[in-house]
Protein backbone atom coordinates (compact mmCIF):
# COMPACT_ATOMS: atom_id res chain seq x y z
CA MET A 1 37.31 100.66 34.25
CA ASP A 2 39.08 98.03 32.18
CA ILE A 3 40.46 95.73 34.82
CA ALA A 4 41.27 92.72 32.59
CA GLY A 5 44.90 93.71 32.19
CA HIS A 6 45.26 94.20 35.93
CA LEU A 7 43.74 90.78 36.64
CA GLN A 8 46.29 89.23 34.31
CA LYS A 9 49.18 91.23 35.80
CA TYR A 10 48.42 90.10 39.36
CA SER A 11 47.74 86.45 38.51
CA GLU A 12 50.26 83.66 38.71
CA PRO A 13 50.74 81.22 35.81
CA GLY A 14 47.87 78.74 35.75
CA GLU A 15 45.49 80.90 37.80
CA ILE A 16 42.06 82.04 36.74
CA ARG A 17 41.13 85.33 38.41
CA ILE A 18 37.87 87.16 37.70
CA GLY A 19 36.30 90.39 38.90
CA GLU A 20 33.17 90.68 41.00
CA GLU A 21 30.95 91.68 38.07
CA THR A 22 31.82 88.47 36.23
CA TYR A 23 31.60 86.39 39.41
CA LYS A 24 28.03 87.54 40.03
CA LYS A 25 27.01 86.30 36.56
CA LEU A 26 28.33 82.77 37.09
CA GLN A 27 25.76 80.06 37.57
CA ASP A 28 28.28 77.68 39.13
CA LYS A 29 30.56 79.41 41.61
CA THR A 30 32.08 76.14 42.80
CA ASN A 31 35.85 76.35 43.31
CA PHE A 32 35.95 80.18 43.18
CA LYS A 33 37.21 81.78 46.40
CA GLU A 34 37.29 85.49 47.19
CA SER A 35 40.79 86.86 46.77
CA LYS A 36 42.58 90.18 47.09
CA SER A 37 41.05 93.38 45.77
CA ILE A 38 42.72 94.90 42.74
CA ASP A 39 42.24 98.62 42.15
CA GLY A 40 39.28 98.55 44.53
CA VAL A 41 37.56 95.66 42.73
CA ARG A 42 36.92 92.38 44.55
CA THR A 43 38.43 89.44 42.73
CA TYR A 44 37.81 85.73 42.85
CA LEU A 45 40.36 83.01 42.25
CA TYR A 46 39.57 79.61 40.75
CA GLN A 47 40.94 76.75 42.80
CA ASN A 48 40.87 73.36 41.16
CA LEU A 49 40.41 71.10 44.16
């Protein structure tokens, strides 16, 4: 499933939202928090603290 367009659609300006597959590949998960599921896919939102 191509979820990139859906991630963009459900994100607010200035947000970085990624799917679970991408999240799992990150070495540094700092500042990413689990967010709402989109089309059954877990998403993670970057929060610049």
